[in-house]
Amino acid sequence: MLGDVLLIGEIHKQAAIEIFEYVMADRVKKGDNYKYMISVSGESGSGKSELAHVLANLLKNESIRAKLLHIDNYYKIPPLLRFEWRKTHGIESVGLQEIDWRLLNENILDFKEDRESMMPCVDIISEQVDKLITDFRKVNVLVLDGLYAQTTDSIDMKIFIDLTYHETKMAQLVREKETYDSFREKVLEQEHQIISKYKDDADIIVDKTYQVIKVNKC
């Protein structure tokens, strides 16, 4: 997203370093030519974009080219219209159905098949949706971040940040991406009810103190 404010701190850097080691070990098993996908999910203000950004740079330092893909760019309703649209259609309209999964999956397929792709990119300042052209032939790893990133197909490493919107309120206010009012709080609660179900399916959990926990799956 153009114009997004990142609040990168030591906690993001340390967590990303630990996660990077897990990613590198998993990539070795799948081979250098494998098109690897990582998701970073969590509630608003939990640090998804910050963690994804640091992780992508760590990969870059190892000559592994990573591309960040923000799920926020794929909302069907543009930023300027979304607040009124949600109020008109009710709180039940908030959720997975707001995302243009067809377009997102098309862009992911372009990544998998080494093609050039045209992707949406929200400009936070103008609140317009621009178009970004990417040559995925030069990209080794796709890092998806967003509320619903973990629900995307073909994810190799699922990262879930276990912080609720109550605990991240200050970060939301500082970033000023959306006006914080009573309706916004209802939206956040609705998202919380949806997102909290993802935790059990994660490969890595970043807890409330930003400690990294690798999930041992049977």
Protein backbone atom coordinates (compact mmCIF):
# COMPACT_ATOMS: atom_id res chain seq x y z
CA MET A 1 0.00 0.00 0.00
CA LEU A 2 1.36 3.40 -1.00
CA GLY A 3 1.75 5.87 1.86
CA ASP A 4 1.37 3.27 4.61
CA VAL A 5 3.07 4.06 7.92
CA LEU A 6 5.31 1.30 9.29
CA LEU A 7 6.20 1.32 12.98
CA ILE A 8 9.13 -1.09 12.88
CA GLY A 9 10.68 -1.81 16.28
CA GLU A 10 13.14 -4.26 17.80
CA ILE A 11 10.34 -6.71 18.53
CA HIS A 12 9.56 -6.99 14.82
CA LYS A 13 13.23 -7.39 13.93
CA GLN A 14 13.89 -10.09 16.51
CA ALA A 15 10.74 -12.04 15.63
CA ALA A 16 11.55 -11.81 11.92
CA ILE A 17 15.07 -13.16 12.49
CA GLU A 18 13.69 -16.25 14.23
CA ILE A 19 11.01 -16.79 11.58
CA PHE A 20 13.62 -16.31 8.84
CA GLU A 21 15.55 -19.33 10.15
CA TYR A 22 12.44 -21.52 9.97
CA VAL A 23 11.68 -20.29 6.44
CA MET A 24 15.23 -20.95 5.24
CA ALA A 25 15.18 -24.48 6.64
CA ASP A 26 11.83 -25.20 4.99
CA ARG A 27 12.95 -23.76 1.63
CA VAL A 28 15.98 -26.08 1.58
CA LYS A 29 13.61 -29.07 1.61
CA LYS A 30 11.68 -27.71 -1.39
CA GLY A 31 14.58 -26.57 -3.57
CA ASP A 32 15.89 -23.23 -4.82
CA ASN A 33 13.50 -23.07 -7.77
CA TYR A 34 10.37 -23.63 -5.68
CA LYS A 35 8.03 -20.62 -5.60
CA TYR A 36 7.62 -20.23 -1.85
CA MET A 37 4.70 -18.48 -0.13
CA ILE A 38 4.47 -17.01 3.38
CA SER A 39 1.40 -15.51 5.05
CA VAL A 40 1.38 -13.08 7.97
CA SER A 41 -2.08 -12.82 9.54
CA GLY A 42 -3.43 -10.99 12.56
CA GLU A 43 -5.76 -8.25 13.67
CA SER A 44 -5.52 -4.57 12.81
CA GLY A 45 -2.44 -2.93 14.31
CA SER A 46 -0.78 -6.22 15.31
CA GLY A 47 2.33 -5.54 13.22
CA LYS A 48 1.66 -7.70 10.15
CA SER A 49 3.13 -5.26 7.65
CA GLU A 50 6.12 -4.48 9.86
CA LEU A 51 6.97 -8.15 10.37
CA ALA A 52 6.45 -8.96 6.69
CA HIS A 53 8.65 -6.02 5.63
CA VAL A 54 11.57 -7.03 7.88
CA LEU A 55 11.26 -10.68 6.85
CA ALA A 56 11.34 -9.76 3.15
CA ASN A 57 14.49 -7.69 3.70
CA LEU A 58 16.19 -10.59 5.51
CA LEU A 59 15.47 -12.77 2.50
CA LYS A 60 16.81 -10.04 0.20
CA ASN A 61 20.07 -10.00 2.18
CA GLU A 62 20.49 -13.67 1.24
CA SER A 63 19.90 -12.89 -2.46
CA ILE A 64 16.39 -14.33 -2.26
CA ARG A 65 14.06 -11.86 -3.92
CA ALA A 66 10.79 -11.50 -2.02
CA LYS A 67 7.65 -9.60 -3.03
CA LEU A 68 5.24 -8.18 -0.47
CA LEU A 69 1.57 -8.58 -1.32
CA HIS A 70 -0.89 -6.74 0.93
CA ILE A 71 -4.37 -8.25 1.13
CA ASP A 72 -5.72 -4.75 1.92
CA ASN A 73 -5.18 -3.93 -1.77
CA TYR A 74 -7.80 -6.51 -2.77
CA TYR A 75 -10.95 -5.17 -1.11
CA LYS A 76 -13.83 -5.02 -3.60
CA ILE A 77 -15.05 -1.69 -2.22
CA PRO A 78 -12.57 1.21 -2.57
CA PRO A 79 -11.35 2.94 0.63
CA LEU A 80 -13.42 6.10 0.08
CA LEU A 81 -16.67 4.12 -0.17
CA ARG A 82 -16.03 1.28 2.29
CA PHE A 83 -17.19 2.97 5.50
CA GLU A 84 -20.61 3.95 4.11
CA TRP A 85 -20.96 0.63 2.29
CA ARG A 86 -20.42 -1.29 5.52
CA LYS A 87 -22.85 0.90 7.45
CA THR A 88 -25.50 0.48 4.74
CA HIS A 89 -25.09 -3.30 4.46
CA GLY A 90 -24.64 -3.98 8.18
CA ILE A 91 -21.81 -5.36 10.26
CA GLU A 92 -22.42 -8.86 8.85
CA SER A 93 -21.05 -7.60 5.53
CA VAL A 94 -17.58 -7.35 7.09
CA GLY A 95 -15.48 -10.41 6.40
CA LEU A 96 -13.89 -12.69 3.83
CA GLN A 97 -16.52 -11.83 1.23
CA GLU A 98 -15.14 -8.27 1.00
CA ILE A 99 -11.97 -9.51 -0.71
CA ASP A 100 -11.63 -10.01 -4.48
CA TRP A 101 -10.32 -13.57 -4.21
CA ARG A 102 -10.55 -14.14 -7.95
CA LEU A 103 -8.09 -11.34 -8.67
CA LEU A 104 -5.85 -12.29 -5.76
CA ASN A 105 -5.66 -15.91 -6.92
CA GLU A 106 -4.92 -14.76 -10.48
CA ASN A 107 -1.95 -12.75 -9.22
CA ILE A 108 -0.73 -15.67 -7.11
CA LEU A 109 -0.97 -17.96 -10.14
CA ASP A 110 1.13 -15.46 -12.11
CA PHE A 111 3.74 -15.71 -9.34
CA LYS A 112 3.66 -19.51 -9.39
CA GLU A 113 3.97 -19.63 -13.18
CA ASP A 114 6.63 -16.93 -13.57
CA ARG A 115 4.51 -14.38 -15.43
CA GLU A 116 4.17 -10.64 -15.49
CA SER A 117 1.16 -9.53 -13.46
CA MET A 118 -0.94 -6.41 -12.96
CA MET A 119 -1.95 -5.95 -9.33
CA PRO A 120 -4.06 -3.39 -7.43
CA CYS A 121 -2.24 -1.00 -5.10
CA VAL A 122 -4.13 1.30 -2.72
CA ASP A 123 -2.71 4.80 -2.30
CA ILE A 124 -3.60 5.70 1.28
CA ILE A 125 -3.08 9.43 0.70
CA SER A 126 -5.38 9.78 -2.32
CA GLU A 127 -7.52 6.77 -1.28
CA GLN A 128 -7.43 5.60 -4.89
CA VAL A 129 -6.63 2.14 -6.22
CA ASP A 130 -3.65 2.28 -8.58
CA LYS A 131 -2.27 -0.54 -10.76
CA LEU A 132 1.15 -2.06 -10.27
CA ILE A 133 2.92 -4.25 -12.84
CA THR A 134 5.30 -6.88 -11.45
CA ASP A 135 7.52 -9.38 -13.26
CA PHE A 136 7.22 -12.49 -11.10
CA ARG A 137 9.94 -14.29 -13.08
CA LYS A 138 12.40 -12.44 -10.84
CA VAL A 139 10.63 -13.20 -7.55
CA ASN A 140 11.49 -16.24 -5.40
CA VAL A 141 9.21 -15.72 -2.39
CA LEU A 142 5.78 -14.14 -2.04
CA VAL A 143 4.99 -12.69 1.40
CA LEU A 144 1.28 -12.03 1.91
CA ASP A 145 0.16 -9.93 4.84
CA GLY A 146 -3.34 -9.05 5.90
CA LEU A 147 -6.31 -9.99 8.02
CA TYR A 148 -7.20 -12.95 5.84
CA ALA A 149 -3.79 -13.81 4.36
CA GLN A 150 -3.74 -17.22 6.03
CA THR A 151 -6.88 -18.38 4.21
CA THR A 152 -5.11 -18.14 0.85
CA ASP A 153 -4.35 -21.44 -0.88
CA SER A 154 -0.83 -22.90 -1.25
CA ILE A 155 0.75 -21.13 1.72
CA ASP A 156 3.99 -22.84 2.80
CA MET A 157 4.54 -21.00 6.09
CA LYS A 158 1.57 -19.57 8.00
CA ILE A 159 2.41 -16.93 10.62
CA PHE A 160 -0.25 -15.71 13.05
CA ILE A 161 0.24 -12.70 15.34
CA ASP A 162 -1.78 -13.32 18.50
CA LEU A 163 -2.71 -9.76 19.45
CA THR A 164 -6.31 -8.52 19.59
CA TYR A 165 -7.57 -5.11 18.47
CA HIS A 166 -7.97 -4.13 22.15
CA GLU A 167 -4.22 -4.60 22.63
CA THR A 168 -3.25 -2.76 19.44
CA LYS A 169 -5.48 0.30 19.74
CA MET A 170 -2.56 2.71 20.15
CA ALA A 171 -0.85 1.41 16.99
CA GLN A 172 -4.10 1.87 15.06
CA LEU A 173 -4.44 5.46 16.24
CA VAL A 174 -0.84 6.30 15.33
CA ARG A 175 -1.14 4.87 11.81
CA GLU A 176 -4.44 6.73 11.17
CA LYS A 177 -5.49 4.38 8.38
CA GLU A 178 -9.16 4.60 9.41
CA THR A 179 -11.15 6.85 11.75
CA TYR A 180 -11.58 5.16 15.13
CA ASP A 181 -15.19 5.50 16.28
CA SER A 182 -17.97 3.26 17.67
CA PHE A 183 -18.71 1.72 14.26
CA ARG A 184 -15.02 1.06 13.61
CA GLU A 185 -14.92 -0.79 16.92
CA LYS A 186 -17.82 -2.99 15.78
CA VAL A 187 -15.91 -3.72 12.56
CA LEU A 188 -12.82 -4.68 14.57
CA GLU A 189 -14.89 -6.99 16.79
CA GLN A 190 -16.41 -8.67 13.73
CA GLU A 191 -12.94 -9.17 12.26
CA HIS A 192 -11.72 -10.50 15.61
CA GLN A 193 -14.42 -13.17 15.63
CA ILE A 194 -13.34 -14.31 12.16
CA ILE A 195 -9.56 -14.05 12.51
CA SER A 196 -9.23 -15.72 15.92
CA LYS A 197 -10.19 -19.04 14.31
CA TYR A 198 -7.00 -19.03 12.21
CA LYS A 199 -4.62 -19.43 15.14
CA ASP A 200 -4.99 -23.20 15.37
CA ASP A 201 -3.97 -23.61 11.71
CA ALA A 202 -0.77 -21.54 11.95
CA ASP A 203 2.75 -22.94 11.58
CA ILE A 204 4.23 -20.13 13.66
CA ILE A 205 2.54 -18.05 16.37
CA VAL A 206 3.90 -14.69 17.48
CA ASP A 207 2.49 -14.24 20.97
CA LYS A 208 1.42 -11.08 22.82
CA THR A 209 5.04 -10.34 23.84
CA TYR A 210 6.25 -11.01 20.27
CA GLN A 211 7.90 -14.28 21.19
CA VAL A 212 8.02 -16.73 18.28
CA ILE A 213 6.45 -20.15 18.85
CA LYS A 214 6.89 -22.92 16.25
CA VAL A 215 3.80 -25.14 16.18
CA ASN A 216 4.50 -28.86 16.10
CA LYS A 217 1.85 -30.42 13.90
CA CYS A 218 1.16 -34.14 13.85
